[in-house]
Amino acid sequence: MISQQKNSRLFNFTKICFRTELFVLLLLVYFFMGCSQDQDEPYNTIIPIHYQLLYGVGSNQLEKRGKISSPIISMNPSEENTIEVVSTNGFFPPQLLFYQKHEFKWSSTVLKSITGNRLSLTNPIDENISTWDTIYAFYVDRMHPIHEGYIALADFALEITGTGSINYGTHVLLGDSWFKDGTIARRLSNRLSNARIINSGIGGNKANQMLERFERDVAIYNPEYVWLLTGTNDYVAMIDARTYADRIVELVEKINDIGANAIVFEPSVGVQGTALEFLSHEYVEALKGTEFYINAYPTAPAR
């Protein structure tokens, strides 16, 4: 009798242990499957150029067109945020300027005033900048950066995303003339050597036109990443901010629906002192109110 009770208790104990182990196993399976699903879900990254790289400053209507730059002769410690340059020809305040801090990093500033060959800036030049390094005006015309400006845009974007986490697969660049120029695509190709870069930029395009050509110019490539840059032609066409933001959300949804990750540039800045400048600012505020912007990754997650 005692032996039977012992056997019964042992049997019950074994059943409890088995159920516990099974429960733990199921929990582990659920956990790892969940992690796997999370990793496979598309994520979106915002490239905040409007106020960070571009300082919210568009082209100056009075500045000369073409490439404007000058070597730096010296930083003037006695006058805060002032540098001396070889020539001030073409510089015209207020004007967005930028310079290269090192191989892959650029900084921006805004020109406040000119006295002789001295430029007064809104913020200090980096202490690592050397004599004869070059300072540039960002814009080549009313709507476009100079060649080095496009490089700065690509490098700034890769500061946000990181290179290691996205250096694989197919990347499609969906945008307007800022992509069509080809400089950003070439810079990304050089720095993301294990990735395939496809440039689907078309000059003059607005967000609605990118929606119309999405299947043939993006989805057909089955990309891992889609870089989206639009806004300039939208605000030139005086498309309202809400419509612009809705179209960006729709584009991001299309990108995610094909299993790709969206890397979205904020819009450029309109020409100073015009309705375009204020509308471009409204675009950014409208985007910030969207769910995708709120939930976007500040950086690309590690693979």
Protein backbone atom coordinates (compact mmCIF):
# COMPACT_ATOMS: atom_id res chain seq x y z
CA MET A 1 0.00 0.00 0.00
CA ILE A 2 2.78 2.38 0.96
CA SER A 3 4.65 1.42 -2.20
CA GLN A 4 1.60 2.22 -4.34
CA GLN A 5 1.24 5.63 -2.67
CA LYS A 6 4.90 6.37 -3.33
CA ASN A 7 4.55 5.33 -6.94
CA SER A 8 1.43 7.48 -7.30
CA ARG A 9 3.17 10.49 -5.81
CA LEU A 10 6.18 9.94 -8.04
CA PHE A 11 3.92 9.70 -11.06
CA ASN A 12 2.13 12.92 -10.13
CA PHE A 13 5.42 14.68 -9.48
CA THR A 14 6.74 13.53 -12.88
CA LYS A 15 3.59 14.84 -14.58
CA ILE A 16 4.01 18.22 -12.87
CA CYS A 17 7.66 18.40 -13.91
CA PHE A 18 6.77 17.47 -17.48
CA ARG A 19 4.03 20.10 -17.65
CA THR A 20 6.35 22.72 -16.20
CA GLU A 21 9.10 21.90 -18.69
CA LEU A 22 6.59 21.95 -21.54
CA PHE A 23 5.25 25.32 -20.39
CA VAL A 24 8.77 26.78 -20.17
CA LEU A 25 9.60 25.36 -23.61
CA LEU A 26 6.48 26.91 -25.12
CA LEU A 27 7.33 30.25 -23.53
CA LEU A 28 10.84 30.12 -25.01
CA VAL A 29 9.50 29.23 -28.46
CA TYR A 30 6.98 32.09 -28.27
CA PHE A 31 9.68 34.50 -27.11
CA PHE A 32 12.14 33.65 -29.87
CA MET A 33 9.45 33.62 -32.54
CA GLY A 34 8.31 37.04 -31.34
CA CYS A 35 11.85 38.40 -31.45
CA SER A 36 12.29 37.02 -34.93
CA GLN A 37 9.07 38.62 -36.10
CA ASP A 38 10.07 41.97 -34.59
CA GLN A 39 13.42 41.85 -36.36
CA ASP A 40 11.72 41.05 -39.68
CA GLU A 41 9.20 43.87 -39.43
CA PRO A 42 10.10 46.91 -41.55
CA TYR A 43 11.37 49.93 -39.68
CA ASN A 44 11.51 53.56 -40.75
CA THR A 45 14.23 56.14 -40.17
CA ILE A 46 13.93 59.93 -40.40
CA ILE A 47 16.82 62.02 -41.72
CA PRO A 48 16.21 65.40 -40.01
CA ILE A 49 17.91 67.72 -42.48
CA HIS A 50 15.47 70.66 -42.34
CA TYR A 51 16.62 72.22 -39.07
CA GLN A 52 19.76 70.22 -38.31
CA LEU A 53 21.86 70.21 -41.48
CA LEU A 54 20.06 73.09 -43.23
CA TYR A 55 19.36 75.16 -40.09
CA GLY A 56 15.93 76.02 -41.50
CA VAL A 57 17.66 78.32 -44.01
CA GLY A 58 16.84 78.30 -47.71
CA SER A 59 18.69 80.02 -50.51
CA ASN A 60 19.08 83.77 -50.36
CA GLN A 61 17.32 85.53 -53.26
CA LEU A 62 20.23 87.99 -53.58
CA GLU A 63 23.15 85.56 -53.48
CA LYS A 64 25.02 84.75 -56.67
CA ARG A 65 24.24 81.53 -58.51
CA GLY A 66 26.98 78.98 -59.03
CA LYS A 67 29.52 77.48 -56.68
CA ILE A 68 30.66 79.90 -53.99
CA SER A 69 33.54 78.96 -51.72
CA SER A 70 36.77 80.23 -50.23
CA PRO A 71 39.75 78.84 -48.35
CA ILE A 72 39.87 79.81 -44.67
CA ILE A 73 42.90 81.92 -43.75
CA SER A 74 42.38 81.97 -40.00
CA MET A 75 39.93 81.79 -37.13
CA ASN A 76 39.81 85.06 -35.20
CA PRO A 77 39.87 84.30 -31.46
CA SER A 78 39.33 87.95 -30.55
CA GLU A 79 36.02 88.06 -32.42
CA GLU A 80 33.71 85.22 -31.48
CA ASN A 81 32.45 83.05 -34.38
CA THR A 82 34.50 84.98 -36.95
CA ILE A 83 36.77 83.58 -39.64
CA GLU A 84 38.99 85.26 -42.23
CA VAL A 85 38.80 83.96 -45.80
CA VAL A 86 40.74 84.56 -48.99
CA SER A 87 37.75 86.11 -50.74
CA THR A 88 34.20 87.04 -49.78
CA ASN A 89 33.10 87.23 -53.41
CA GLY A 90 29.64 85.66 -53.74
CA PHE A 91 28.94 85.43 -50.04
CA PHE A 92 25.83 87.32 -49.02
CA PRO A 93 24.20 87.19 -45.57
CA PRO A 94 22.05 85.58 -44.34
CA GLN A 95 23.43 82.54 -46.15
CA LEU A 96 23.76 78.84 -45.32
CA LEU A 97 27.42 77.82 -45.23
CA PHE A 98 29.06 74.48 -44.55
CA TYR A 99 32.46 72.85 -44.31
CA GLN A 100 33.98 69.40 -43.93
CA LYS A 101 35.10 68.50 -40.40
CA HIS A 102 36.71 65.25 -41.48
CA GLU A 103 36.31 62.65 -44.23
CA PHE A 104 32.68 61.72 -43.55
CA LYS A 105 31.39 64.55 -41.35
CA TRP A 106 30.19 68.02 -42.28
CA SER A 107 29.00 71.00 -40.25
CA SER A 108 26.71 73.88 -41.14
CA THR A 109 26.53 77.47 -40.01
CA VAL A 110 24.80 80.66 -41.12
CA LEU A 111 26.59 83.77 -42.35
CA LYS A 112 25.45 86.82 -40.33
CA SER A 113 27.63 89.61 -41.71
CA ILE A 114 30.77 90.44 -43.69
CA THR A 115 33.48 92.91 -42.69
CA GLY A 116 36.38 93.11 -45.10
CA ASN A 117 37.53 89.52 -45.55
CA ARG A 118 35.97 88.37 -42.30
CA LEU A 119 32.79 86.31 -42.09
CA SER A 120 30.72 86.51 -38.91
CA LEU A 121 28.87 83.24 -38.27
CA THR A 122 26.03 82.09 -36.03
CA ASN A 123 28.11 79.41 -34.32
CA PRO A 124 31.83 78.60 -33.88
CA ILE A 125 33.83 76.77 -36.50
CA ASP A 126 35.06 73.39 -35.30
CA GLU A 127 38.45 73.61 -33.59
CA ASN A 128 39.83 70.83 -35.80
CA ILE A 129 39.44 72.92 -38.95
CA SER A 130 42.80 73.98 -40.35
CA THR A 131 43.99 76.98 -42.30
CA TRP A 132 43.23 76.59 -46.03
CA ASP A 133 40.30 74.28 -45.43
CA THR A 134 37.34 75.42 -47.52
CA ILE A 135 34.02 76.95 -46.49
CA TYR A 136 31.17 76.72 -49.00
CA ALA A 137 27.81 78.34 -49.65
CA PHE A 138 25.37 75.41 -49.65
CA TYR A 139 23.17 76.36 -52.60
CA VAL A 140 24.18 76.51 -56.26
CA ASP A 141 20.82 78.03 -57.26
CA ARG A 142 17.44 78.77 -55.68
CA MET A 143 16.53 75.11 -55.19
CA HIS A 144 19.64 72.91 -55.31
CA PRO A 145 22.86 72.29 -53.36
CA ILE A 146 26.33 72.40 -54.84
CA HIS A 147 28.11 69.10 -55.50
CA GLU A 148 29.68 69.03 -52.03
CA GLY A 149 26.26 69.79 -50.56
CA TYR A 150 24.89 66.53 -51.94
CA ILE A 151 27.85 64.69 -50.45
CA ALA A 152 27.14 66.33 -47.10
CA LEU A 153 23.51 65.17 -47.32
CA ALA A 154 24.57 61.56 -47.93
CA ASP A 155 27.15 61.62 -45.13
CA PHE A 156 24.66 63.24 -42.73
CA ALA A 157 22.13 60.51 -43.53
CA LEU A 158 24.69 57.79 -42.84
CA GLU A 159 25.50 59.44 -39.51
CA ILE A 160 21.86 58.80 -38.60
CA THR A 161 21.49 55.29 -39.99
CA GLY A 162 25.00 54.02 -39.39
CA THR A 163 26.75 52.17 -42.21
CA GLY A 164 27.22 48.69 -40.76
CA SER A 165 23.53 48.06 -40.10
CA ILE A 166 22.38 48.86 -43.67
CA ASN A 167 25.39 47.78 -45.75
CA TYR A 168 23.63 44.95 -47.56
CA GLY A 169 20.81 44.25 -50.01
CA THR A 170 19.18 46.53 -52.54
CA HIS A 171 18.61 50.23 -51.85
CA VAL A 172 16.30 52.22 -54.13
CA LEU A 173 16.50 56.03 -54.11
CA LEU A 174 13.02 57.42 -54.80
CA GLY A 175 13.05 61.17 -55.19
CA ASP A 176 13.35 64.29 -57.30
CA SER A 177 16.30 66.15 -58.84
CA TRP A 178 18.23 65.98 -55.56
CA PHE A 179 18.57 62.24 -56.24
CA LYS A 180 18.55 62.51 -60.04
CA ASP A 181 21.80 64.52 -59.83
CA GLY A 182 23.51 61.22 -58.97
CA THR A 183 25.98 62.54 -56.38
CA ILE A 184 24.07 61.11 -53.40
CA ALA A 185 23.76 57.71 -55.13
CA ARG A 186 27.50 57.62 -55.87
CA ARG A 187 28.37 58.60 -52.31
CA LEU A 188 26.13 55.87 -50.89
CA SER A 189 27.62 53.33 -53.33
CA ASN A 190 31.12 54.24 -52.17
CA ARG A 191 30.27 54.00 -48.48
CA LEU A 192 27.87 51.02 -48.64
CA SER A 193 30.15 48.77 -50.65
CA ASN A 194 28.13 45.59 -49.98
CA ALA A 195 24.82 47.14 -51.05
CA ARG A 196 23.28 47.61 -54.49
CA ILE A 197 22.19 51.24 -55.05
CA ILE A 198 19.47 51.98 -57.64
CA ASN A 199 18.76 55.62 -58.41
CA SER A 200 15.08 56.24 -59.22
CA GLY A 201 15.24 60.02 -58.87
CA ILE A 202 13.36 62.05 -61.49
CA GLY A 203 13.74 65.83 -61.71
CA GLY A 204 10.60 67.84 -61.06
CA ASN A 205 8.79 64.98 -59.31
CA LYS A 206 6.33 65.55 -56.49
CA ALA A 207 5.14 63.00 -53.94
CA ASN A 208 1.99 62.13 -55.91
CA GLN A 209 4.08 61.29 -58.98
CA MET A 210 6.27 59.02 -56.89
CA LEU A 211 3.14 57.21 -55.74
CA GLU A 212 2.11 56.73 -59.37
CA ARG A 213 5.45 55.21 -60.42
CA PHE A 214 6.13 53.24 -57.25
CA GLU A 215 5.47 49.79 -58.72
CA ARG A 216 7.67 50.19 -61.79
CA ASP A 217 10.47 52.22 -60.21
CA VAL A 218 10.67 50.72 -56.71
CA ALA A 219 8.67 47.54 -56.02
CA ILE A 220 10.05 45.78 -59.11
CA TYR A 221 13.51 45.67 -57.48
CA ASN A 222 12.29 44.01 -54.25
CA PRO A 223 14.51 46.31 -52.16
CA GLU A 224 15.52 46.02 -48.52
CA TYR A 225 15.68 49.83 -48.21
CA VAL A 226 13.93 52.70 -49.95
CA TRP A 227 15.36 56.20 -49.53
CA LEU A 228 12.67 58.85 -49.96
CA LEU A 229 13.44 62.49 -50.71
CA THR A 230 10.68 64.84 -51.85
CA GLY A 231 9.17 68.18 -50.95
CA THR A 232 10.89 70.84 -53.05
CA ASN A 233 8.59 70.51 -56.07
CA ASP A 234 5.60 70.01 -53.78
CA TYR A 235 5.98 73.37 -52.06
CA VAL A 236 6.87 75.07 -55.37
CA ALA A 237 3.47 73.80 -56.57
CA MET A 238 1.95 75.23 -53.34
CA ILE A 239 0.58 71.85 -52.25
CA ASP A 240 -0.74 72.24 -48.72
CA ALA A 241 1.13 70.69 -45.80
CA ARG A 242 -1.58 68.20 -44.84
CA THR A 243 -1.77 66.78 -48.37
CA TYR A 244 2.03 66.55 -48.54
CA ALA A 245 2.23 64.70 -45.20
CA ASP A 246 -0.59 62.31 -46.20
CA ARG A 247 1.25 61.42 -49.40
CA ILE A 248 4.49 60.78 -47.52
CA VAL A 249 2.62 58.48 -45.13
CA GLU A 250 1.11 56.65 -48.11
CA LEU A 251 4.56 56.24 -49.68
CA VAL A 252 5.99 54.89 -46.42
CA GLU A 253 3.09 52.43 -46.17
CA LYS A 254 3.78 51.24 -49.72
CA ILE A 255 7.45 50.81 -48.85
CA ASN A 256 6.65 48.80 -45.73
CA ASP A 257 4.01 46.73 -47.55
CA ILE A 258 6.69 45.31 -49.87
CA GLY A 259 8.79 44.42 -46.82
CA ALA A 260 11.27 47.27 -47.22
CA ASN A 261 12.57 49.76 -44.69
CA ALA A 262 11.99 53.47 -45.36
CA ILE A 263 14.73 56.07 -44.90
CA VAL A 264 12.92 59.39 -45.21
CA PHE A 265 14.57 62.78 -45.64
CA GLU A 266 12.73 65.77 -44.25
CA PRO A 267 11.94 68.30 -47.00
CA SER A 268 14.38 70.97 -48.08
CA VAL A 269 13.92 74.64 -47.12
CA GLY A 270 12.18 77.10 -49.42
CA VAL A 271 13.72 80.35 -50.68
CA GLN A 272 14.19 82.89 -47.88
CA GLY A 273 11.48 85.48 -47.40
CA THR A 274 8.97 83.79 -49.71
CA ALA A 275 5.81 81.77 -49.18
CA LEU A 276 7.88 78.70 -50.12
CA GLU A 277 10.05 79.10 -47.02
CA PHE A 278 7.07 79.16 -44.67
CA LEU A 279 5.30 76.30 -46.47
CA SER A 280 8.44 74.12 -46.24
CA HIS A 281 8.48 74.71 -42.46
CA GLU A 282 4.80 73.71 -42.34
CA TYR A 283 5.69 70.48 -44.17
CA VAL A 284 8.06 69.49 -41.38
CA GLU A 285 5.52 70.27 -38.67
CA ALA A 286 2.85 68.25 -40.52
CA LEU A 287 5.24 65.30 -40.82
CA LYS A 288 6.06 65.45 -37.12
CA GLY A 289 2.39 64.90 -36.36
CA THR A 290 2.19 61.64 -38.31
CA GLU A 291 2.36 58.24 -36.65
CA PHE A 292 5.21 57.04 -38.84
CA TYR A 293 7.39 60.06 -37.89
CA ILE A 294 6.63 59.65 -34.19
CA ASN A 295 7.49 55.93 -34.30
CA ALA A 296 10.48 56.18 -36.63
CA TYR A 297 13.83 54.94 -35.42
CA PRO A 298 16.39 57.63 -34.60
CA THR A 299 18.97 55.19 -35.99
CA ALA A 300 18.77 51.98 -37.96
CA PRO A 301 18.64 48.95 -35.61
CA ALA A 302 21.53 46.52 -35.77
CA ARG A 303 20.91 43.46 -37.92
